[in-house]
Protein backbone atom coordinates (compact mmCIF):
# COMPACT_ATOMS: atom_id res chain seq x y z
CA UNK A 1 -114.89 35.59 -5.35
CA UNK A 2 -111.17 35.01 -5.71
CA UNK A 3 -110.13 32.66 -8.49
CA UNK A 4 -107.06 30.63 -7.73
CA UNK A 5 -104.69 30.07 -10.62
CA UNK A 6 -102.50 27.03 -10.33
CA UNK A 7 -100.10 25.26 -12.61
CA UNK A 8 -100.50 21.62 -13.39
CA UNK A 9 -97.79 19.39 -11.94
CA UNK A 10 -96.15 18.77 -15.30
CA UNK A 11 -95.93 22.51 -15.98
CA UNK A 12 -93.98 23.29 -12.83
CA UNK A 13 -90.23 23.24 -13.11
CA UNK A 14 -88.67 20.60 -10.92
CA UNK A 15 -86.08 21.71 -8.38
CA UNK A 16 -83.27 19.65 -9.88
CA UNK A 17 -84.29 19.79 -13.53
CA UNK A 18 -81.28 18.84 -15.67
CA UNK A 19 -78.87 18.54 -12.73
CA UNK A 20 -76.40 15.65 -12.89
CA UNK A 21 -76.14 13.58 -9.71
CA UNK A 22 -73.48 10.93 -9.08
CA UNK A 23 -74.29 8.53 -6.24
CA UNK A 24 -72.01 5.69 -5.18
CA UNK A 25 -73.67 2.61 -3.76
CA UNK A 26 -77.03 3.45 -5.32
CA UNK A 27 -78.15 0.03 -6.46
CA UNK A 28 -79.65 -0.79 -3.07
CA UNK A 29 -80.82 0.70 0.20
CA UNK A 30 -80.33 4.36 1.00
CA UNK A 31 -78.47 5.12 -2.22
CA UNK A 32 -81.22 3.63 -4.38
CA UNK A 33 -83.91 5.59 -2.53
CA UNK A 34 -81.91 8.79 -3.01
CA UNK A 35 -81.42 8.08 -6.72
CA UNK A 36 -85.18 7.66 -7.18
CA UNK A 37 -85.86 10.78 -5.11
CA UNK A 38 -83.48 13.00 -7.07
CA UNK A 39 -84.68 11.57 -10.40
CA UNK A 40 -88.28 12.41 -9.51
CA UNK A 41 -87.09 15.97 -8.97
CA UNK A 42 -85.60 16.11 -12.47
CA UNK A 43 -81.96 15.11 -11.92
CA UNK A 44 -80.06 12.82 -14.28
CA UNK A 45 -78.45 10.05 -12.25
CA UNK A 46 -75.16 8.18 -12.48
CA UNK A 47 -75.90 4.99 -10.55
CA UNK A 48 -73.14 2.86 -9.07
CA UNK A 49 -73.03 -0.47 -7.32
CA UNK A 50 -70.46 -3.17 -6.74
CA UNK A 51 -72.90 -5.60 -8.39
CA UNK A 52 -74.29 -4.84 -11.83
CA UNK A 53 -77.79 -6.27 -11.38
CA UNK A 54 -79.10 -3.93 -8.65
CA UNK A 55 -77.50 -0.90 -10.33
CA UNK A 56 -79.05 -1.77 -13.68
CA UNK A 57 -82.42 -2.30 -11.98
CA UNK A 58 -82.24 1.17 -10.44
CA UNK A 59 -81.40 2.65 -13.84
CA UNK A 60 -84.32 0.80 -15.38
CA UNK A 61 -86.71 1.99 -12.68
CA UNK A 62 -85.64 5.61 -13.16
CA UNK A 63 -86.10 5.37 -16.92
CA UNK A 64 -89.50 3.73 -16.47
CA UNK A 65 -90.69 6.80 -14.57
CA UNK A 66 -89.46 9.08 -17.34
CA UNK A 67 -86.07 9.99 -15.91
CA UNK A 68 -82.54 9.68 -17.22
CA UNK A 69 -79.91 7.44 -15.67
CA UNK A 70 -76.81 5.46 -16.52
CA UNK A 71 -74.84 2.85 -14.59
CA UNK A 72 -71.16 2.98 -13.70
CA UNK A 73 -70.65 -0.32 -11.95
CA UNK A 74 -67.73 -1.70 -9.97
CA UNK A 75 -65.89 -1.18 -6.73
CA UNK A 76 -65.23 2.39 -5.63
CA UNK A 77 -61.79 1.16 -4.52
CA UNK A 78 -60.67 0.19 -8.04
CA UNK A 79 -57.69 2.24 -9.21
CA UNK A 80 -59.55 3.62 -12.23
CA UNK A 81 -62.95 4.07 -10.61
CA UNK A 82 -62.86 7.77 -9.72
CA UNK A 83 -61.93 8.89 -13.24
CA UNK A 84 -64.40 6.45 -14.79
CA UNK A 85 -67.19 7.64 -12.50
CA UNK A 86 -66.62 11.31 -13.26
CA UNK A 87 -66.18 10.69 -16.99
CA UNK A 88 -69.43 8.71 -17.10
CA UNK A 89 -71.29 11.79 -15.89
CA UNK A 90 -69.52 14.11 -18.32
CA UNK A 91 -69.86 11.80 -21.31
CA UNK A 92 -73.48 10.87 -20.63
CA UNK A 93 -74.96 14.14 -19.37
CA UNK A 94 -72.32 16.84 -19.89
CA UNK A 95 -71.89 17.99 -16.31
CA UNK A 96 -71.45 17.39 -12.59
CA UNK A 97 -73.82 19.00 -10.09
CA UNK A 98 -74.24 16.62 -7.16
CA UNK A 99 -71.83 14.03 -5.76
CA UNK A 100 -72.94 11.74 -2.94
CA UNK A 101 -70.27 9.48 -1.44
CA UNK A 102 -72.57 6.79 -0.10
CA UNK A 103 -71.01 3.39 -0.91
CA UNK A 104 -69.87 1.34 2.03
CA UNK A 105 -70.12 -1.64 4.32
CA UNK A 106 -68.87 -2.72 7.73
CA UNK A 107 -66.27 -5.34 8.65
CA UNK A 108 -66.20 -5.35 12.42
CA UNK A 109 -63.85 -6.61 15.08
CA UNK A 110 -62.21 -5.42 18.27
CA UNK A 111 -58.75 -3.96 17.77
CA UNK A 112 -56.74 -6.98 18.94
CA UNK A 113 -58.58 -9.23 16.47
CA UNK A 114 -58.64 -6.84 13.50
CA UNK A 115 -56.04 -7.54 10.84
CA UNK A 116 -54.53 -5.10 8.35
CA UNK A 117 -56.80 -6.36 5.57
CA UNK A 118 -59.94 -5.41 7.50
CA UNK A 119 -58.53 -2.00 8.43
CA UNK A 120 -57.32 -1.18 4.92
CA UNK A 121 -60.48 -2.37 3.17
CA UNK A 122 -62.81 -0.15 5.21
CA UNK A 123 -60.55 2.90 5.06
CA UNK A 124 -60.15 2.51 1.29
CA UNK A 125 -63.89 2.22 0.73
CA UNK A 126 -65.19 4.88 3.10
CA UNK A 127 -62.38 7.45 3.11
CA UNK A 128 -59.90 7.01 0.26
CA UNK A 129 -62.53 6.44 -2.43
CA UNK A 130 -64.43 9.69 -1.67
CA UNK A 131 -61.10 11.55 -1.65
CA UNK A 132 -60.21 10.19 -5.09
CA UNK A 133 -63.65 10.94 -6.50
CA UNK A 134 -63.54 14.57 -5.35
CA UNK A 135 -59.97 14.95 -6.56
CA UNK A 136 -60.97 13.64 -10.00
CA UNK A 137 -63.95 16.00 -10.09
CA UNK A 138 -62.04 19.18 -9.15
CA UNK A 139 -60.71 20.30 -12.56
CA UNK A 140 -64.10 19.75 -14.17
CA UNK A 141 -66.01 21.56 -11.42
CA UNK A 142 -63.59 24.50 -11.66
CA UNK A 143 -63.96 24.63 -15.43
CA UNK A 144 -67.76 24.50 -15.26
CA UNK A 145 -67.83 27.18 -12.56
CA UNK A 146 -65.59 29.57 -14.51
CA UNK A 147 -67.70 29.13 -17.65
CA UNK A 148 -70.88 29.84 -15.69
CA UNK A 149 -69.32 32.87 -14.02
CA UNK A 150 -68.28 34.25 -17.40
CA UNK A 151 -71.88 33.90 -18.58
CA UNK A 152 -73.36 35.45 -15.45
CA UNK A 153 -74.82 32.18 -14.16
CA UNK A 154 -74.93 31.71 -10.38
CA UNK A 155 -75.10 27.93 -10.03
CA UNK A 156 -74.48 25.91 -6.86
CA UNK A 157 -73.12 22.38 -6.77
CA UNK A 158 -73.48 19.88 -3.95
CA UNK A 159 -71.27 17.27 -2.31
CA UNK A 160 -72.60 15.05 0.48
CA UNK A 161 -70.38 12.61 2.37
CA UNK A 162 -72.07 9.87 4.35
CA UNK A 163 -70.90 9.51 7.93
CA UNK A 164 -72.27 7.68 10.95
CA UNK A 165 -72.89 7.93 14.65
CA UNK A 166 -69.92 5.55 14.91
CA UNK A 167 -67.74 8.27 13.41
CA UNK A 168 -69.14 10.97 15.68
CA UNK A 169 -69.36 9.07 18.97
CA UNK A 170 -67.29 5.90 18.45
CA UNK A 171 -68.54 2.33 18.59
CA UNK A 172 -66.86 -0.70 20.13
CA UNK A 173 -65.77 -3.22 17.50
CA UNK A 174 -65.72 -0.64 14.70
CA UNK A 175 -62.39 1.14 14.96
CA UNK A 176 -61.92 0.92 11.18
CA UNK A 177 -65.42 2.11 10.29
CA UNK A 178 -65.55 4.78 13.01
CA UNK A 179 -62.17 6.19 11.93
CA UNK A 180 -63.24 6.34 8.29
CA UNK A 181 -66.59 7.93 9.09
CA UNK A 182 -64.92 10.55 11.29
CA UNK A 183 -62.55 11.19 8.41
CA UNK A 184 -65.24 12.01 5.85
CA UNK A 185 -66.61 14.65 8.22
CA UNK A 186 -63.20 16.31 8.30
CA UNK A 187 -63.08 15.94 4.54
CA UNK A 188 -66.43 17.69 4.14
CA UNK A 189 -65.45 20.57 6.42
CA UNK A 190 -62.13 21.01 4.59
CA UNK A 191 -63.64 20.83 1.12
CA UNK A 192 -66.31 23.34 2.13
CA UNK A 193 -63.47 25.81 2.70
CA UNK A 194 -61.57 24.85 -0.46
CA UNK A 195 -64.54 24.75 -2.81
CA UNK A 196 -66.66 27.62 -1.49
CA UNK A 197 -65.05 29.81 -4.15
CA UNK A 198 -66.57 27.49 -6.78
CA UNK A 199 -70.10 27.75 -5.29
CA UNK A 200 -69.95 24.17 -4.02
CA UNK A 201 -71.76 23.25 -0.81
CA UNK A 202 -70.01 20.36 0.93
CA UNK A 203 -71.79 18.70 3.84
CA UNK A 204 -72.14 15.35 5.58
CA UNK A 205 -74.99 13.25 6.92
CA UNK A 206 -74.38 10.95 9.87
CA UNK A 207 -76.70 7.98 10.16
CA UNK A 208 -77.72 6.09 13.23
CA UNK A 209 -79.57 2.78 13.08
CA UNK A 210 -81.15 2.50 9.61
CA UNK A 211 -82.80 -0.70 8.37
CA UNK A 212 -80.81 -1.81 5.31
CA UNK A 213 -79.39 -5.16 4.23
CA UNK A 214 -76.36 -4.40 6.41
CA UNK A 215 -78.47 -4.08 9.55
CA UNK A 216 -81.78 -5.83 8.88
CA UNK A 217 -80.65 -9.30 9.95
CA UNK A 218 -79.55 -10.91 13.18
CA UNK A 219 -75.76 -10.75 13.46
CA UNK A 220 -75.82 -13.82 15.68
CA UNK A 221 -77.04 -16.06 12.84
CA UNK A 222 -74.61 -17.83 10.52
CA UNK A 223 -76.49 -16.84 7.36
CA UNK A 224 -75.93 -13.12 8.02
CA UNK A 225 -73.12 -12.88 5.48
CA UNK A 226 -72.47 -10.79 2.39
CA UNK A 227 -69.79 -11.23 -0.26
CA UNK A 228 -67.59 -8.19 -0.84
CA UNK A 229 -65.00 -8.86 -3.53
CA UNK A 230 -64.54 -12.45 -2.39
CA UNK A 231 -64.62 -11.72 1.33
CA UNK A 232 -67.44 -13.30 3.32
CA UNK A 233 -68.39 -10.60 5.82
CA UNK A 234 -70.81 -10.95 8.70
CA UNK A 235 -73.40 -8.20 8.79
CA UNK A 236 -76.51 -7.47 10.78
CA UNK A 237 -77.23 -6.10 14.20
CA UNK A 238 -77.56 -8.04 17.43
CA UNK A 239 -81.25 -8.57 18.18
CA UNK A 240 -80.76 -6.93 21.58
CA UNK A 241 -79.71 -3.70 19.87
CA UNK A 242 -82.93 -3.55 17.92
CA UNK A 243 -84.86 -4.07 21.12
CA UNK A 244 -82.92 -1.34 22.90
CA UNK A 245 -83.79 1.05 20.07
CA UNK A 246 -87.30 1.25 21.48
CA UNK A 247 -85.97 2.92 24.63
CA UNK A 248 -82.65 4.46 23.51
CA UNK A 249 -83.98 6.21 20.39
CA UNK A 250 -86.59 8.87 21.22
CA UNK A 251 -88.55 8.04 18.06
CA UNK A 252 -88.63 4.44 19.25
CA UNK A 253 -87.44 2.63 16.12
CA UNK A 254 -84.72 2.40 13.48
CA UNK A 255 -84.97 4.66 10.46
CA UNK A 256 -86.01 3.57 6.97
CA UNK A 257 -83.90 3.93 3.81
CA UNK A 258 -86.43 6.48 2.52
CA UNK A 259 -86.06 8.60 5.64
CA UNK A 260 -82.28 8.38 5.44
CA UNK A 261 -82.36 9.42 1.78
CA UNK A 262 -84.52 12.39 2.75
CA UNK A 263 -81.78 13.69 5.04
CA UNK A 264 -79.29 13.61 2.13
CA UNK A 265 -81.86 15.17 -0.19
CA UNK A 266 -82.02 18.30 1.95
CA UNK A 267 -78.37 18.99 1.14
CA UNK A 268 -78.96 18.50 -2.60
CA UNK A 269 -81.66 21.10 -3.22
CA UNK A 270 -81.39 24.89 -3.72
CA UNK A 271 -82.81 25.61 -0.26
CA UNK A 272 -79.42 24.56 1.17
CA UNK A 273 -77.35 26.92 -0.99
CA UNK A 274 -76.08 28.81 2.06
CA UNK A 275 -75.36 25.72 4.13
CA UNK A 276 -71.87 24.25 3.90
CA UNK A 277 -69.33 22.49 6.11
CA UNK A 278 -72.09 21.00 8.28
CA UNK A 279 -73.03 17.52 9.50
CA UNK A 280 -76.66 16.54 9.89
CA UNK A 281 -77.30 13.67 12.30
CA UNK A 282 -80.12 11.40 11.16
CA UNK A 283 -80.56 9.04 14.12
CA UNK A 284 -84.04 9.51 15.52
CA UNK A 285 -82.67 11.69 18.31
CA UNK A 286 -80.69 8.91 19.95
CA UNK A 287 -77.14 9.54 21.17
CA UNK A 288 -74.80 6.96 19.69
CA UNK A 289 -77.39 5.28 17.44
C-alpha cells in the first residue's frame, strides 16, 4: 500500500509570497478581482482608485483575509501620481514586483463630435499615465535587479498593460480609446525589449465585452452616467450589443470581472517567466468583442 504524503494548505508556499503588486483602478471591477486574487496567492497589494471608498474597501477585504494591502488613491493623471504610487510600494513593502496598468474609462463619440478635452482625457488616462508609472519605476527596478544579481538571486518582475479589442481591431465612436489601447500594446512590446535585461516580463491583455460598471447598464438610458473628475460621462453598452454577444461571441456571453482578472493573473505568476512582449486576447473567442 502506497502512503501519500501531502502538505497542508497553510504549509505550502504561495506562488507570489512576499511579492509587491501595484494595480491601478483596483477599487472596483476587474482591478479589484485581480487584487484579491494576487493577495490570496501571497502578494502585498498597492490598491488605487479615483475614489477613496472602494479602494479602502478593497484594502480592508484583503486584510480581513490575512493579506497585506495599502491604498494610494487619486487620479492616475495627476502630475505627482506616478512617483507617489511607486513610493507607496517602496515605503510600505520595500519593493516592486508586479505593475498592472488597469485604470481607465471610456468617453465615446464619433470623430466630428469629439472635442480636444475628450481626446486628451482618454489618452492621458490610458496611455500617458502607464508611461509615467513605468518611467518612475525604472530606476528602482534597475537597482533591485542589480542587487539581486550581485547576490545570485534570479527574480522575475511583471508588467501588464490592459488593452482592448477596440485597440486591436478598432471600434466606431472610440477613436480616443482605441488609439490609447493600441498604444499600450506598443508600449508593452517596446518595454519587453528594454527591460528584458532586468528580468522583467512585459505583456498586455486585451479585453472584449466584460461585465463591469462601465458596460453593465443600457447606454440608451439617461441614468447611465458616471462622474470622472467633474465630468458626467455616459457609460454602458447598447442593449442590442449584449443580445448580439450570444451569436457573435463563441462562448455566447460577456465575460465576468473574475474571468478577466484570471487572464491578467497568468502574466503575474512564475509560469510566465519566459513570456514577454505578448498580448493575450480575453474576449470569449469573438472577433472585435
